[in-house]
Protein backbone atom coordinates (compact mmCIF):
# COMPACT_ATOMS: atom_id res chain seq x y z
CA MET A 1 102.14 89.34 115.24
CA ILE A 2 99.67 91.95 114.06
CA PHE A 3 101.63 93.53 111.23
CA THR A 4 103.93 91.85 108.79
CA GLY A 5 106.20 93.66 106.39
CA ILE A 6 103.70 94.01 103.56
CA GLU A 7 101.05 95.61 105.80
CA ILE A 8 103.58 98.13 107.06
CA LEU A 9 104.58 98.85 103.44
CA PHE A 10 101.03 99.59 102.34
CA PHE A 11 100.30 101.61 105.46
CA SER A 12 103.41 103.74 105.05
CA LEU A 13 102.72 104.24 101.33
CA GLY A 14 99.21 105.38 102.21
CA VAL A 15 100.53 107.83 104.78
CA ILE A 16 103.16 109.20 102.39
CA THR A 17 100.61 109.55 99.58
CA THR A 18 98.10 111.30 101.84
CA LEU A 19 100.71 113.70 103.18
CA ALA A 20 101.98 114.44 99.67
CA MET A 21 98.48 115.16 98.37
CA GLY A 22 97.72 117.37 101.36
CA LEU A 23 100.94 119.34 100.97
CA ILE A 24 100.41 119.75 97.22
CA TYR A 25 96.88 121.04 97.83
CA TYR A 26 98.05 123.42 100.56
CA TYR A 27 100.89 124.89 98.51
CA ASN A 28 98.74 125.11 95.40
CA GLN A 29 96.29 127.28 97.37
CA LYS A 30 99.15 129.52 98.48
CA LEU A 31 101.25 129.70 95.30
CA LYS A 32 98.92 128.79 92.37
CA PHE A 33 101.06 126.33 90.41
CA ASN A 34 101.39 126.52 86.65
CA ILE A 35 101.43 123.48 84.37
CA SER A 36 105.20 122.94 84.43
CA THR A 37 105.20 123.00 88.22
CA TRP A 38 102.31 120.53 88.33
CA ILE A 39 104.07 118.14 85.98
CA SER A 40 107.35 118.23 87.88
CA ILE A 41 105.60 117.82 91.25
CA CYS A 42 103.52 114.87 90.05
CA ILE A 43 106.51 113.10 88.52
CA GLY A 44 108.63 113.83 91.60
CA VAL A 45 106.03 112.52 94.04
CA PHE A 46 105.41 109.44 91.90
CA LEU A 47 109.14 108.67 91.72
CA PHE A 48 109.52 109.21 95.47
CA ILE A 49 106.68 106.84 96.34
CA PHE A 50 107.84 104.32 93.74
CA GLY A 51 111.39 104.41 95.14
CA ILE A 52 110.19 103.88 98.70
CA ALA A 53 107.98 100.97 97.60
CA TRP A 54 110.83 99.48 95.56
CA SER A 55 113.28 99.70 98.43
CA PHE A 56 110.91 98.38 101.07
CA SER A 57 109.81 95.42 98.94
CA SER A 58 113.43 94.65 98.05
CA ILE A 59 114.31 94.51 101.74
CA LEU A 60 111.33 92.21 102.38
CA GLU A 61 112.59 89.90 99.63
CA GLY A 62 116.10 89.87 101.09
CA GLU A 63 117.82 91.99 98.46
CA PRO A 64 119.47 94.91 100.28
CA ARG A 65 121.59 95.91 97.28
CA ALA A 66 118.48 96.30 95.11
CA ALA A 67 116.95 98.41 97.89
CA SER A 68 119.90 100.77 98.05
CA MET A 69 120.05 101.03 94.26
CA GLY A 70 116.33 101.80 94.22
CA LEU A 71 116.93 104.66 96.62
CA ILE A 72 119.76 105.99 94.49
CA VAL A 73 118.02 105.61 91.13
CA PHE A 74 114.50 106.71 92.07
CA VAL A 75 114.46 108.72 95.30
CA ILE A 76 117.44 111.02 94.76
CA PRO A 77 116.21 112.19 91.31
CA SER A 78 112.72 112.65 92.74
CA LEU A 79 114.07 114.88 95.50
CA ILE A 80 116.00 116.92 92.93
CA LEU A 81 112.85 117.21 90.81
CA LEU A 82 110.78 118.27 93.82
CA LEU A 83 113.34 120.92 94.74
CA LEU A 84 113.28 122.17 91.15
CA SER A 85 109.49 122.38 91.19
CA ARG A 86 109.65 124.24 94.51
CA LYS A 87 112.01 126.72 92.90
CA LEU A 88 109.65 127.12 89.93
CA ALA A 89 106.66 127.70 92.22
CA LEU A 90 108.47 130.25 94.38
CA LYS A 91 109.82 132.03 91.30
CA LYS A 92 106.30 132.37 89.90
CA ALA A 93 104.94 133.56 93.25
CA ALA A 94 107.71 136.17 93.60
CA SER A 95 106.99 137.56 90.14
CA LYS A 96 103.38 138.42 91.09
């Protein structure tokens, strides 16, 4: 077997982090984020990546309930925070 669970975890976290950084850079060039948008985006992306890592490692350790709770506690608030930061960025761009 070439890949075990931990290699897939680190690879997927790398892909998610790279995509998140690329999207943040792209939208910052288009919309010019202010400091509150930057803070909410950074916290949201961190919570999203942390929640995915938490859930994946919990599944690898055989704790599916901890994985589902990690998704509920970390990923859902991060998605709400990212949607809020999107709203802040679009609101600032519309006011220009």
